């Protein structure tokens, strides 16, 4: 079981991504979010790394979307991540967003309680 996290700065892609999750029969939750880089820039905190980000962030909407999905099957995860990468041009454009996947060792509140290792608790 895997947790997929997608921070989507290009919110114009949100509808297409929701459609893809639906087609793959994968649930997802979308949350409004804001990156810390934008907050630091708004407070005029001088961090050298952020100077180059200013051009990417200035003029864009200050908020992004965080899409979270729990995917049981590794093959389905592979299909979903490939479709996301394709939709977002393999993240080749700076500032479009980023995605990461983490293993889930236990999950509660879904249709069934599941854990990888019953001895972890």
PDB file of N, CA and C in Angstrom:
ATOM      1  N   UNK A   1       0.849  -1.169   0.000  1.00  0.00           N
ATOM      2  CA  UNK A   1       0.000   0.000   0.000  1.00  0.00           C
ATOM      3  C   UNK A   1       0.896   1.233   0.000  1.00  0.00           C
ATOM      4  N   UNK A   2       0.457   2.259  -0.748  1.00  0.00           N
ATOM      5  CA  UNK A   2       1.297   3.437  -0.967  1.00  0.00           C
ATOM      6  C   UNK A   2       0.477   4.719  -0.804  1.00  0.00           C
ATOM      7  N   UNK A   3       1.140   5.744  -0.313  1.00  0.00           N
ATOM      8  CA  UNK A   3       0.550   7.071  -0.240  1.00  0.00           C
ATOM      9  C   UNK A   3       1.171   7.938  -1.318  1.00  0.00           C
ATOM     10  N   UNK A   4       0.343   8.453  -2.204  1.00  0.00           N
ATOM     11  CA  UNK A   4       0.808   9.330  -3.265  1.00  0.00           C
ATOM     12  C   UNK A   4       0.470  10.764  -2.872  1.00  0.00           C
ATOM     13  N   UNK A   5       1.456  11.645  -2.940  1.00  0.00           N
ATOM     14  CA  UNK A   5       1.284  13.055  -2.614  1.00  0.00           C
ATOM     15  C   UNK A   5       1.698  13.879  -3.827  1.00  0.00           C
ATOM     16  N   UNK A   6       0.803  14.716  -4.293  1.00  0.00           N
ATOM     17  CA  UNK A   6       1.089  15.581  -5.430  1.00  0.00           C
ATOM     18  C   UNK A   6       0.801  17.014  -5.032  1.00  0.00           C
ATOM     19  N   UNK A   7       1.848  17.837  -5.007  1.00  0.00           N
ATOM     20  CA  UNK A   7       1.686  19.270  -4.796  1.00  0.00           C
ATOM     21  C   UNK A   7       1.576  19.880  -6.181  1.00  0.00           C
ATOM     22  N   UNK A   8       0.397  20.387  -6.491  1.00  0.00           N
ATOM     23  CA  UNK A   8       0.100  20.882  -7.825  1.00  0.00           C
ATOM     24  C   UNK A   8       0.040  22.402  -7.823  1.00  0.00           C
ATOM     25  N   UNK A   9       1.048  23.014  -8.430  1.00  0.00           N
ATOM     26  CA  UNK A   9       1.053  24.467  -8.560  1.00  0.00           C
ATOM     27  C   UNK A   9       0.249  24.912  -9.773  1.00  0.00           C
ATOM     28  N   UNK A  10       0.249  24.116 -10.831  1.00  0.00           N
ATOM     29  CA  UNK A  10      -0.505  24.426 -12.045  1.00  0.00           C
ATOM     30  C   UNK A  10      -1.938  23.937 -11.849  1.00  0.00           C
ATOM     31  N   UNK A  11      -2.727  24.756 -11.162  1.00  0.00           N
ATOM     32  CA  UNK A  11      -4.072  24.318 -10.774  1.00  0.00           C
ATOM     33  C   UNK A  11      -5.011  24.172 -11.967  1.00  0.00           C
ATOM     34  N   UNK A  12      -4.602  24.656 -13.126  1.00  0.00           N
ATOM     35  CA  UNK A  12      -5.424  24.486 -14.324  1.00  0.00           C
ATOM     36  C   UNK A  12      -5.449  23.019 -14.776  1.00  0.00           C
ATOM     37  N   UNK A  13      -4.564  22.205 -14.241  1.00  0.00           N
ATOM     38  CA  UNK A  13      -4.518  20.778 -14.564  1.00  0.00           C
ATOM     39  C   UNK A  13      -5.368  19.936 -13.612  1.00  0.00           C
ATOM     40  N   UNK A  14      -5.964  20.578 -12.623  1.00  0.00           N
ATOM     41  CA  UNK A  14      -6.669  19.848 -11.571  1.00  0.00           C
ATOM     42  C   UNK A  14      -7.825  18.997 -12.108  1.00  0.00           C
ATOM     43  N   UNK A  15      -8.644  19.549 -12.980  1.00  0.00           N
ATOM     44  CA  UNK A  15      -9.778  18.788 -13.496  1.00  0.00           C
ATOM     45  C   UNK A  15      -9.332  17.545 -14.257  1.00  0.00           C
ATOM     46  N   UNK A  16      -8.291  17.685 -15.077  1.00  0.00           N
ATOM     47  CA  UNK A  16      -7.788  16.531 -15.829  1.00  0.00           C
ATOM     48  C   UNK A  16      -7.251  15.457 -14.884  1.00  0.00           C
ATOM     49  N   UNK A  17      -6.587  15.878 -13.826  1.00  0.00           N
ATOM     50  CA  UNK A  17      -6.050  14.910 -12.866  1.00  0.00           C
ATOM     51  C   UNK A  17      -7.170  14.222 -12.097  1.00  0.00           C
ATOM     52  N   UNK A  18      -8.190  14.967 -11.696  1.00  0.00           N
ATOM     53  CA  UNK A  18      -9.331  14.347 -11.021  1.00  0.00           C
ATOM     54  C   UNK A  18      -9.988  13.316 -11.933  1.00  0.00           C
ATOM     55  N   UNK A  19     -10.129  13.652 -13.201  1.00  0.00           N
ATOM     56  CA  UNK A  19     -10.715  12.717 -14.171  1.00  0.00           C
ATOM     57  C   UNK A  19      -9.874  11.446 -14.270  1.00  0.00           C
ATOM     58  N   UNK A  20      -8.558  11.593 -14.273  1.00  0.00           N
ATOM     59  CA  UNK A  20      -7.661  10.435 -14.355  1.00  0.00           C
ATOM     60  C   UNK A  20      -7.811   9.545 -13.119  1.00  0.00           C
ATOM     61  N   UNK A  21      -7.868  10.137 -11.917  1.00  0.00           N
ATOM     62  CA  UNK A  21      -8.068   9.341 -10.701  1.00  0.00           C
ATOM     63  C   UNK A  21      -9.391   8.580 -10.789  1.00  0.00           C
ATOM     64  N   UNK A  22     -10.427   9.244 -11.298  1.00  0.00           N
ATOM     65  CA  UNK A  22     -11.729   8.597 -11.456  1.00  0.00           C
ATOM     66  C   UNK A  22     -11.638   7.413 -12.422  1.00  0.00           C
ATOM     67  N   UNK A  23     -11.004   7.634 -13.570  1.00  0.00           N
ATOM     68  CA  UNK A  23     -10.875   6.573 -14.574  1.00  0.00           C
ATOM     69  C   UNK A  23     -10.085   5.381 -14.040  1.00  0.00           C
ATOM     70  N   UNK A  24      -9.108   5.634 -13.190  1.00  0.00           N
ATOM     71  CA  UNK A  24      -8.301   4.561 -12.605  1.00  0.00           C
ATOM     72  C   UNK A  24      -8.959   3.942 -11.374  1.00  0.00           C
ATOM     73  N   UNK A  25     -10.146   4.448 -11.015  1.00  0.00           N
ATOM     74  CA  UNK A  25     -10.889   3.968  -9.843  1.00  0.00           C
ATOM     75  C   UNK A  25     -10.059   4.078  -8.560  1.00  0.00           C
ATOM     76  N   UNK A  26      -9.411   5.230  -8.445  1.00  0.00           N
ATOM     77  CA  UNK A  26      -8.581   5.526  -7.278  1.00  0.00           C
ATOM     78  C   UNK A  26      -9.160   6.757  -6.595  1.00  0.00           C
ATOM     79  N   UNK A  27      -9.362   6.673  -5.298  1.00  0.00           N
ATOM     80  CA  UNK A  27      -9.832   7.832  -4.552  1.00  0.00           C
ATOM     81  C   UNK A  27      -8.692   8.820  -4.329  1.00  0.00           C
ATOM     82  N   UNK A  28      -9.059  10.062  -4.174  1.00  0.00           N
ATOM     83  CA  UNK A  28      -8.063  11.102  -3.898  1.00  0.00           C
ATOM     84  C   UNK A  28      -8.745  12.234  -3.144  1.00  0.00           C
ATOM     85  N   UNK A  29      -7.989  12.877  -2.294  1.00  0.00           N
ATOM     86  CA  UNK A  29      -8.460  14.043  -1.562  1.00  0.00           C
ATOM     87  C   UNK A  29      -7.621  15.232  -1.988  1.00  0.00           C
ATOM     88  N   UNK A  30      -8.264  16.341  -2.282  1.00  0.00           N
ATOM     89  CA  UNK A  30      -7.564  17.551  -2.696  1.00  0.00           C
ATOM     90  C   UNK A  30      -7.742  18.618  -1.629  1.00  0.00           C
ATOM     91  N   UNK A  31      -6.617  19.209  -1.227  1.00  0.00           N
ATOM     92  CA  UNK A  31      -6.603  20.205  -0.159  1.00  0.00           C
ATOM     93  C   UNK A  31      -5.932  21.466  -0.682  1.00  0.00           C
ATOM     94  N   UNK A  32      -6.496  22.632  -0.358  1.00  0.00           N
ATOM     95  CA  UNK A  32      -5.822  23.891  -0.672  1.00  0.00           C
ATOM     96  C   UNK A  32      -4.576  23.999   0.198  1.00  0.00           C
ATOM     97  N   UNK A  33      -3.474  24.444  -0.399  1.00  0.00           N
ATOM     98  CA  UNK A  33      -2.225  24.550   0.356  1.00  0.00           C
ATOM     99  C   UNK A  33      -1.420  25.739  -0.131  1.00  0.00           C
ATOM    100  N   UNK A  34      -0.396  26.068   0.627  1.00  0.00           N
ATOM    101  CA  UNK A  34       0.507  27.160   0.275  1.00  0.00           C
ATOM    102  C   UNK A  34       1.905  26.753   0.684  1.00  0.00           C
ATOM    103  N   UNK A  35       2.857  26.914  -0.229  1.00  0.00           N
ATOM    104  CA  UNK A  35       4.234  26.538   0.054  1.00  0.00           C
ATOM    105  C   UNK A  35       4.940  27.541   0.951  1.00  0.00           C
ATOM    106  N   UNK A  36       5.898  27.059   1.704  1.00  0.00           N
ATOM    107  CA  UNK A  36       6.652  27.914   2.618  1.00  0.00           C
ATOM    108  C   UNK A  36       7.500  28.931   1.870  1.00  0.00           C
ATOM    109  N   UNK A  37       7.946  28.582   0.667  1.00  0.00           N
ATOM    110  CA  UNK A  37       8.729  29.526  -0.132  1.00  0.00           C
ATOM    111  C   UNK A  37       7.968  30.808  -0.381  1.00  0.00           C
ATOM    112  N   UNK A  38       6.696  30.701  -0.707  1.00  0.00           N
ATOM    113  CA  UNK A  38       5.865  31.882  -0.948  1.00  0.00           C
ATOM    114  C   UNK A  38       5.709  32.689   0.330  1.00  0.00           C
ATOM    115  N   UNK A  39       5.533  32.031   1.452  1.00  0.00           N
ATOM    116  CA  UNK A  39       5.387  32.730   2.732  1.00  0.00           C
ATOM    117  C   UNK A  39       6.664  33.511   3.053  1.00  0.00           C
ATOM    118  N   UNK A  40       7.830  32.859   2.891  1.00  0.00           N
ATOM    119  CA  UNK A  40       9.091  33.539   3.174  1.00  0.00           C
ATOM    120  C   UNK A  40       9.302  34.734   2.246  1.00  0.00           C
ATOM    121  N   UNK A  41       8.962  34.568   0.976  1.00  0.00           N
ATOM    122  CA  UNK A  41       9.093  35.676   0.035  1.00  0.00           C
ATOM    123  C   UNK A  41       8.160  36.822   0.403  1.00  0.00           C
ATOM    124  N   UNK A  42       6.956  36.508   0.826  1.00  0.00           N
ATOM    125  CA  UNK A  42       5.999  37.541   1.222  1.00  0.00           C
ATOM    126  C   UNK A  42       6.480  38.324   2.431  1.00  0.00           C
ATOM    127  N   UNK A  43       7.268  37.671   3.284  1.00  0.00           N
ATOM    128  CA  UNK A  43       7.792  38.334   4.479  1.00  0.00           C
ATOM    129  C   UNK A  43       9.183  38.930   4.236  1.00  0.00           C
ATOM    130  N   UNK A  44       9.609  38.916   2.992  1.00  0.00           N
ATOM    131  CA  UNK A  44      10.894  39.495   2.580  1.00  0.00           C
ATOM    132  C   UNK A  44      12.073  38.944   3.374  1.00  0.00           C
ATOM    133  N   UNK A  45      12.023  37.666   3.670  1.00  0.00           N
ATOM    134  CA  UNK A  45      13.131  37.003   4.340  1.00  0.00           C
ATOM    135  C   UNK A  45      14.164  36.664   3.290  1.00  0.00           C
ATOM    136  N   UNK A  46      15.397  37.070   3.524  1.00  0.00           N
ATOM    137  CA  UNK A  46      16.454  36.931   2.528  1.00  0.00           C
ATOM    138  C   UNK A  46      17.161  35.590   2.673  1.00  0.00           C
ATOM    139  N   UNK A  47      16.777  34.651   1.831  1.00  0.00           N
ATOM    140  CA  UNK A  47      17.432  33.348   1.771  1.00  0.00           C
ATOM    141  C   UNK A  47      17.905  33.189   0.335  1.00  0.00           C
ATOM    142  N   UNK A  48      19.225  33.010   0.124  1.00  0.00           N
ATOM    143  CA  UNK A  48      19.751  32.969  -1.247  1.00  0.00           C
ATOM    144  C   UNK A  48      19.017  32.006  -2.179  1.00  0.00           C
ATOM    145  N   UNK A  49      18.650  30.844  -1.685  1.00  0.00           N
ATOM    146  CA  UNK A  49      17.963  29.870  -2.526  1.00  0.00           C
ATOM    147  C   UNK A  49      16.635  30.422  -3.039  1.00  0.00           C
ATOM    148  N   UNK A  50      15.976  31.251  -2.243  1.00  0.00           N
ATOM    149  CA  UNK A  50      14.666  31.762  -2.619  1.00  0.00           C
ATOM    150  C   UNK A  50      14.735  32.870  -3.658  1.00  0.00           C
ATOM    151  N   UNK A  51      15.873  33.489  -3.792  1.00  0.00           N
ATOM    152  CA  UNK A  51      15.991  34.568  -4.772  1.00  0.00           C
ATOM    153  C   UNK A  51      15.688  34.068  -6.177  1.00  0.00           C
ATOM    154  N   UNK A  52      16.178  32.885  -6.507  1.00  0.00           N
ATOM    155  CA  UNK A  52      15.907  32.334  -7.840  1.00  0.00           C
ATOM    156  C   UNK A  52      14.460  31.875  -7.966  1.00  0.00           C
ATOM    157  N   UNK A  53      13.841  31.533  -6.851  1.00  0.00           N
ATOM    158  CA  UNK A  53      12.450  31.099  -6.889  1.00  0.00           C
ATOM    159  C   UNK A  53      11.490  32.273  -7.061  1.00  0.00           C
ATOM    160  N   UNK A  54      11.940  33.474  -6.700  1.00  0.00           N
ATOM    161  CA  UNK A  54      11.053  34.632  -6.755  1.00  0.00           C
ATOM    162  C   UNK A  54      10.447  34.808  -8.141  1.00  0.00           C
ATOM    163  N   UNK A  55      11.257  34.610  -9.177  1.00  0.00           N
ATOM    164  CA  UNK A  55      10.753  34.771 -10.544  1.00  0.00           C
ATOM    165  C   UNK A  55       9.687  33.736 -10.864  1.00  0.00           C
ATOM    166  N   UNK A  56       9.830  32.533 -10.305  1.00  0.00           N
ATOM    167  CA  UNK A  56       8.837  31.489 -10.554  1.00  0.00           C
ATOM    168  C   UNK A  56       7.538  31.754  -9.803  1.00  0.00           C
ATOM    169  N   UNK A  57       7.664  32.299  -8.612  1.00  0.00           N
ATOM    170  CA  UNK A  57       6.501  32.448  -7.737  1.00  0.00           C
ATOM    171  C   UNK A  57       5.778  33.763  -7.984  1.00  0.00           C
ATOM    172  N   UNK A  58       6.516  34.849  -8.198  1.00  0.00           N
ATOM    173  CA  UNK A  58       5.882  36.149  -8.413  1.00  0.00           C
ATOM    174  C   UNK A  58       4.940  36.073  -9.606  1.00  0.00           C
ATOM    175  N   UNK A  59       3.770  36.608  -9.456  1.00  0.00           N
ATOM    176  CA  UNK A  59       2.812  36.636 -10.539  1.00  0.00           C
ATOM    177  C   UNK A  59       1.937  35.395 -10.617  1.00  0.00           C
ATOM    178  N   UNK A  60       2.304  34.337  -9.932  1.00  0.00           N
ATOM    179  CA  UNK A  60       1.472  33.133  -9.919  1.00  0.00           C
ATOM    180  C   UNK A  60       0.508  33.214  -8.753  1.00  0.00           C
ATOM    181  N   UNK A  61      -0.484  32.365  -8.813  1.00  0.00           N
ATOM    182  CA  UNK A  61      -1.403  32.295  -7.677  1.00  0.00           C
ATOM    183  C   UNK A  61      -0.605  31.804  -6.465  1.00  0.00           C
ATOM    184  N   UNK A  62      -0.847  32.403  -5.306  1.00  0.00           N
ATOM    185  CA  UNK A  62      -0.042  32.045  -4.129  1.00  0.00           C
ATOM    186  C   UNK A  62      -0.371  30.677  -3.551  1.00  0.00           C
ATOM    187  N   UNK A  63      -1.452  30.090  -3.989  1.00  0.00           N
ATOM    188  CA  UNK A  63      -1.868  28.819  -3.409  1.00  0.00           C
ATOM    189  C   UNK A  63      -1.727  27.699  -4.423  1.00  0.00           C
ATOM    190  N   UNK A  64      -1.603  26.497  -3.899  1.00  0.00           N
ATOM    191  CA  UNK A  64      -1.544  25.322  -4.765  1.00  0.00           C
ATOM    192  C   UNK A  64      -2.515  24.288  -4.206  1.00  0.00           C
ATOM    193  N   UNK A  65      -2.519  23.135  -4.812  1.00  0.00           N
ATOM    194  CA  UNK A  65      -3.388  22.047  -4.366  1.00  0.00           C
ATOM    195  C   UNK A  65      -2.518  20.869  -3.951  1.00  0.00           C
ATOM    196  N   UNK A  66      -2.881  20.249  -2.865  1.00  0.00           N
ATOM    197  CA  UNK A  66      -2.233  19.024  -2.418  1.00  0.00           C
ATOM    198  C   UNK A  66      -3.222  17.891  -2.651  1.00  0.00           C
ATOM    199  N   UNK A  67      -2.838  16.961  -3.506  1.00  0.00           N
ATOM    200  CA  UNK A  67      -3.677  15.801  -3.795  1.00  0.00           C
ATOM    201  C   UNK A  67      -3.054  14.598  -3.090  1.00  0.00           C
ATOM    202  N   UNK A  68      -3.860  13.929  -2.280  1.00  0.00           N
ATOM    203  CA  UNK A  68      -3.405  12.760  -1.526  1.00  0.00           C
ATOM    204  C   UNK A  68      -4.239  11.561  -1.952  1.00  0.00           C
ATOM    205  N   UNK A  69      -3.559  10.460  -2.222  1.00  0.00           N
ATOM    206  CA  UNK A  69      -4.263   9.244  -2.613  1.00  0.00           C
ATOM    207  C   UNK A  69      -3.585   8.043  -1.976  1.00  0.00           C
ATOM    208  N   UNK A  70      -4.384   7.087  -1.532  1.00  0.00           N
ATOM    209  CA  UNK A  70      -3.869   5.828  -1.010  1.00  0.00           C
ATOM    210  C   UNK A  70      -4.173   4.765  -2.070  1.00  0.00           C
ATOM    211  N   UNK A  71      -3.116   4.107  -2.531  1.00  0.00           N
ATOM    212  CA  UNK A  71      -3.245   3.133  -3.607  1.00  0.00           C
ATOM    213  C   UNK A  71      -2.676   1.807  -3.121  1.00  0.00           C
ATOM    214  N   UNK A  72      -3.496   0.765  -3.151  1.00  0.00           N
ATOM    215  CA  UNK A  72      -3.069  -0.546  -2.649  1.00  0.00           C
ATOM    216  C   UNK A  72      -2.101  -1.253  -3.584  1.00  0.00           C
ATOM    217  N   UNK A  73      -2.420  -1.265  -4.855  1.00  0.00           N
ATOM    218  CA  UNK A  73      -1.733  -2.101  -5.830  1.00  0.00           C
ATOM    219  C   UNK A  73      -0.557  -1.369  -6.476  1.00  0.00           C
ATOM    220  N   UNK A  74       0.601  -2.022  -6.503  1.00  0.00           N
ATOM    221  CA  UNK A  74       1.807  -1.412  -7.070  1.00  0.00           C
ATOM    222  C   UNK A  74       1.656  -1.129  -8.565  1.00  0.00           C
ATOM    223  N   UNK A  75       0.989  -2.011  -9.294  1.00  0.00           N
ATOM    224  CA  UNK A  75       0.789  -1.795 -10.736  1.00  0.00           C
ATOM    225  C   UNK A  75      -0.120  -0.592 -10.993  1.00  0.00           C
ATOM    226  N   UNK A  76      -1.162  -0.466 -10.181  1.00  0.00           N
ATOM    227  CA  UNK A  76      -2.050   0.692 -10.323  1.00  0.00           C
ATOM    228  C   UNK A  76      -1.296   1.970  -9.976  1.00  0.00           C
ATOM    229  N   UNK A  77      -0.466   1.916  -8.947  1.00  0.00           N
ATOM    230  CA  UNK A  77       0.365   3.073  -8.580  1.00  0.00           C
ATOM    231  C   UNK A  77       1.247   3.480  -9.756  1.00  0.00           C
ATOM    232  N   UNK A  78       1.833   2.502 -10.394  1.00  0.00           N
ATOM    233  CA  UNK A  78       2.710   2.796 -11.540  1.00  0.00           C
ATOM    234  C   UNK A  78       1.917   3.468 -12.661  1.00  0.00           C
ATOM    235  N   UNK A  79       0.724   2.962 -12.968  1.00  0.00           N
ATOM    236  CA  UNK A  79      -0.109   3.574 -14.017  1.00  0.00           C
ATOM    237  C   UNK A  79      -0.482   5.008 -13.663  1.00  0.00           C
ATOM    238  N   UNK A  80      -0.883   5.212 -12.410  1.00  0.00           N
ATOM    239  CA  UNK A  80      -1.316   6.539 -11.975  1.00  0.00           C
ATOM    240  C   UNK A  80      -0.151   7.529 -12.028  1.00  0.00           C
ATOM    241  N   UNK A  81       1.001   7.147 -11.499  1.00  0.00           N
ATOM    242  CA  UNK A  81       2.139   8.075 -11.516  1.00  0.00           C
ATOM    243  C   UNK A  81       2.601   8.366 -12.939  1.00  0.00           C
ATOM    244  N   UNK A  82       2.542   7.375 -13.817  1.00  0.00           N
ATOM    245  CA  UNK A  82       2.911   7.614 -15.214  1.00  0.00           C
ATOM    246  C   UNK A  82       1.941   8.583 -15.877  1.00  0.00           C
ATOM    247  N   UNK A  83       0.650   8.445 -15.599  1.00  0.00           N
ATOM    248  CA  UNK A  83      -0.332   9.360 -16.176  1.00  0.00           C
ATOM    249  C   UNK A  83      -0.171  10.773 -15.633  1.00  0.00           C
ATOM    250  N   UNK A  84       0.141  10.897 -14.346  1.00  0.00           N
ATOM    251  CA  UNK A  84       0.383  12.219 -13.763  1.00  0.00           C
ATOM    252  C   UNK A  84       1.606  12.845 -14.419  1.00  0.00           C
ATOM    253  N   UNK A  85       2.671  12.082 -14.528  1.00  0.00           N
ATOM    254  CA  UNK A  85       3.893  12.602 -15.160  1.00  0.00           C
ATOM    255  C   UNK A  85       3.626  13.029 -16.596  1.00  0.00           C
ATOM    256  N   UNK A  86       2.832  12.251 -17.311  1.00  0.00           N
ATOM    257  CA  UNK A  86       2.509  12.607 -18.695  1.00  0.00           C
ATOM    258  C   UNK A  86       1.687  13.897 -18.738  1.00  0.00           C
ATOM    259  N   UNK A  87       0.676  13.991 -17.884  1.00  0.00           N
ATOM    260  CA  UNK A  87      -0.183  15.183 -17.856  1.00  0.00           C
ATOM    261  C   UNK A  87       0.607  16.442 -17.503  1.00  0.00           C
ATOM    262  N   UNK A  88       1.619  16.284 -16.658  1.00  0.00           N
ATOM    263  CA  UNK A  88       2.415  17.433 -16.211  1.00  0.00           C
ATOM    264  C   UNK A  88       3.754  17.517 -16.945  1.00  0.00           C
ATOM    265  N   UNK A  89       3.818  16.915 -18.128  1.00  0.00           N
ATOM    266  CA  UNK A  89       5.034  16.957 -18.963  1.00  0.00           C
ATOM    267  C   UNK A  89       6.274  16.539 -18.194  1.00  0.00           C
ATOM    268  N   UNK A  90       6.128  15.471 -17.424  1.00  0.00           N
ATOM    269  CA  UNK A  90       7.225  14.901 -16.639  1.00  0.00           C
ATOM    270  C   UNK A  90       7.861  15.925 -15.696  1.00  0.00           C
ATOM    271  N   UNK A  91       7.076  16.885 -15.260  1.00  0.00           N
ATOM    272  CA  UNK A  91       7.529  17.928 -14.336  1.00  0.00           C
ATOM    273  C   UNK A  91       8.694  18.732 -14.921  1.00  0.00           C
ATOM    274  N   UNK A  92       8.758  18.825 -16.242  1.00  0.00           N
ATOM    275  CA  UNK A  92       9.887  19.494 -16.894  1.00  0.00           C
ATOM    276  C   UNK A  92       9.817  21.015 -16.786  1.00  0.00           C
ATOM    277  N   UNK A  93       8.614  21.567 -16.634  1.00  0.00           N
ATOM    278  CA  UNK A  93       8.479  23.019 -16.499  1.00  0.00           C
ATOM    279  C   UNK A  93       8.670  23.407 -15.033  1.00  0.00           C
ATOM    280  N   UNK A  94       9.553  24.343 -14.758  1.00  0.00           N
ATOM    281  CA  UNK A  94       9.773  24.751 -13.360  1.00  0.00           C
ATOM    282  C   UNK A  94       8.486  25.272 -12.718  1.00  0.00           C
ATOM    283  N   UNK A  95       8.263  24.849 -11.493  1.00  0.00           N
ATOM    284  CA  UNK A  95       7.142  25.370 -10.730  1.00  0.00           C
ATOM    285  C   UNK A  95       5.808  24.690 -10.958  1.00  0.00           C
ATOM    286  N   UNK A  96       5.741  23.662 -11.812  1.00  0.00           N
ATOM    287  CA  UNK A  96       4.457  23.002 -12.064  1.00  0.00           C
ATOM    288  C   UNK A  96       3.984  22.225 -10.828  1.00  0.00           C
ATOM    289  N   UNK A  97       4.922  21.764 -10.014  1.00  0.00           N
ATOM    290  CA  UNK A  97       4.599  21.018  -8.809  1.00  0.00           C
ATOM    291  C   UNK A  97       5.599  19.909  -8.590  1.00  0.00           C
ATOM    292  N   UNK A  98       5.312  19.050  -7.631  1.00  0.00           N
ATOM    293  CA  UNK A  98       6.155  17.873  -7.417  1.00  0.00           C
ATOM    294  C   UNK A  98       5.322  16.765  -6.790  1.00  0.00           C
ATOM    295  N   UNK A  99       5.822  15.556  -6.931  1.00  0.00           N
ATOM    296  CA  UNK A  99       5.088  14.380  -6.474  1.00  0.00           C
ATOM    297  C   UNK A  99       6.054  13.452  -5.749  1.00  0.00           C
ATOM    298  N   UNK A 100       5.548  12.804  -4.707  1.00  0.00           N
ATOM    299  CA  UNK A 100       6.327  11.751  -4.063  1.00  0.00           C
ATOM    300  C   UNK A 100       5.384  10.662  -3.574  1.00  0.00           C
ATOM    301  N   UNK A 101       5.953   9.479  -3.377  1.00  0.00           N
ATOM    302  CA  UNK A 101       5.202   8.305  -2.950  1.00  0.00           C
ATOM    303  C   UNK A 101       5.901   7.723  -1.726  1.00  0.00           C
ATOM    304  N   UNK A 102       5.110   7.349  -0.724  1.00  0.00           N
ATOM    305  CA  UNK A 102       5.658   6.743   0.488  1.00  0.00           C
ATOM    306  C   UNK A 102       4.917   5.433   0.777  1.00  0.00           C
ATOM    307  N   UNK A 103       5.611   4.461   1.358  1.00  0.00           N
ATOM    308  CA  UNK A 103       4.917   3.233   1.748  1.00  0.00           C
ATOM    309  C   UNK A 103       4.034   3.496   2.968  1.00  0.00           C
ATOM    310  N   UNK A 104       2.915   2.821   3.022  1.00  0.00           N
ATOM    311  CA  UNK A 104       1.995   2.938   4.158  1.00  0.00           C
ATOM    312  C   UNK A 104       2.047   1.618   4.918  1.00  0.00           C
ATOM    313  N   UNK A 105       2.344   1.695   6.202  1.00  0.00           N
ATOM    314  CA  UNK A 105       2.436   0.469   6.996  1.00  0.00           C
ATOM    315  C   UNK A 105       1.113   0.122   7.672  1.00  0.00           C
ATOM    316  N   UNK A 106       0.243   1.108   7.812  1.00  0.00           N
ATOM    317  CA  UNK A 106      -1.077   0.843   8.376  1.00  0.00           C
ATOM    318  C   UNK A 106      -2.039   1.913   7.894  1.00  0.00           C
ATOM    319  N   UNK A 107      -3.316   1.541   7.796  1.00  0.00           N
ATOM    320  CA  UNK A 107      -4.337   2.460   7.313  1.00  0.00           C
ATOM    321  C   UNK A 107      -5.626   2.170   8.065  1.00  0.00           C
ATOM    322  N   UNK A 108      -6.260   3.197   8.596  1.00  0.00           N
ATOM    323  CA  UNK A 108      -7.506   3.046   9.351  1.00  0.00           C
ATOM    324  C   UNK A 108      -8.553   4.000   8.785  1.00  0.00           C
ATOM    325  N   UNK A 109      -9.790   3.628   8.903  1.00  0.00           N
ATOM    326  CA  UNK A 109     -10.873   4.500   8.478  1.00  0.00           C
ATOM    327  C   UNK A 109     -11.290   4.291   7.038  1.00  0.00           C
ATOM    328  N   UNK A 110     -10.686   3.353   6.359  1.00  0.00           N
ATOM    329  CA  UNK A 110     -11.124   3.033   5.006  1.00  0.00           C
ATOM    330  C   UNK A 110     -12.125   1.881   5.098  1.00  0.00           C
ATOM    331  N   UNK A 111     -12.414   1.261   3.990  1.00  0.00           N
ATOM    332  CA  UNK A 111     -13.373   0.155   3.988  1.00  0.00           C
ATOM    333  C   UNK A 111     -12.899  -1.001   4.857  1.00  0.00           C
ATOM    334  N   UNK A 112     -11.571  -1.128   4.964  1.00  0.00           N
ATOM    335  CA  UNK A 112     -11.019  -2.212   5.779  1.00  0.00           C
ATOM    336  C   UNK A 112      -9.748  -1.711   6.464  1.00  0.00           C
ATOM    337  N   UNK A 113      -9.497  -2.251   7.642  1.00  0.00           N
ATOM    338  CA  UNK A 113      -8.251  -1.931   8.342  1.00  0.00           C
ATOM    339  C   UNK A 113      -7.171  -2.806   7.752  1.00  0.00           C
ATOM    340  N   UNK A 114      -6.061  -2.221   7.440  1.00  0.00           N
ATOM    341  CA  UNK A 114      -5.007  -3.005   6.812  1.00  0.00           C
ATOM    342  C   UNK A 114      -3.651  -2.560   7.357  1.00  0.00           C
ATOM    343  N   UNK A 115      -2.750  -3.497   7.464  1.00  0.00           N
ATOM    344  CA  UNK A 115      -1.378  -3.164   7.822  1.00  0.00           C
ATOM    345  C   UNK A 115      -0.460  -4.193   7.177  1.00  0.00           C
ATOM    346  N   UNK A 116       0.750  -3.760   6.907  1.00  0.00           N
ATOM    347  CA  UNK A 116       1.735  -4.624   6.264  1.00  0.00           C
ATOM    348  C   UNK A 116       2.266  -5.650   7.259  1.00  0.00           C
ATOM    349  N   UNK A 117       2.548  -5.201   8.465  1.00  0.00           N
ATOM    350  CA  UNK A 117       3.135  -6.051   9.489  1.00  0.00           C
ATOM    351  C   UNK A 117       2.276  -5.959  10.743  1.00  0.00           C
ATOM    352  N   UNK A 118       1.558  -7.000  11.053  1.00  0.00           N
ATOM    353  CA  UNK A 118       0.641  -6.994  12.198  1.00  0.00           C
ATOM    354  C   UNK A 118       1.388  -6.808  13.526  1.00  0.00           C
ATOM    355  N   UNK A 119       2.696  -7.079  13.566  1.00  0.00           N
ATOM    356  CA  UNK A 119       3.451  -6.981  14.801  1.00  0.00           C
ATOM    357  C   UNK A 119       3.990  -5.590  15.088  1.00  0.00           C
ATOM    358  N   UNK A 120       3.674  -4.592  14.250  1.00  0.00           N
ATOM    359  CA  UNK A 120       4.272  -3.273  14.449  1.00  0.00           C
ATOM    360  C   UNK A 120       3.627  -2.509  15.603  1.00  0.00           C
ATOM    361  N   UNK A 121       2.443  -2.952  16.041  1.00  0.00           N
ATOM    362  CA  UNK A 121       1.779  -2.212  17.110  1.00  0.00           C
ATOM    363  C   UNK A 121       1.643  -3.091  18.310  1.00  0.00           C
TER     364      UNK A 121
END
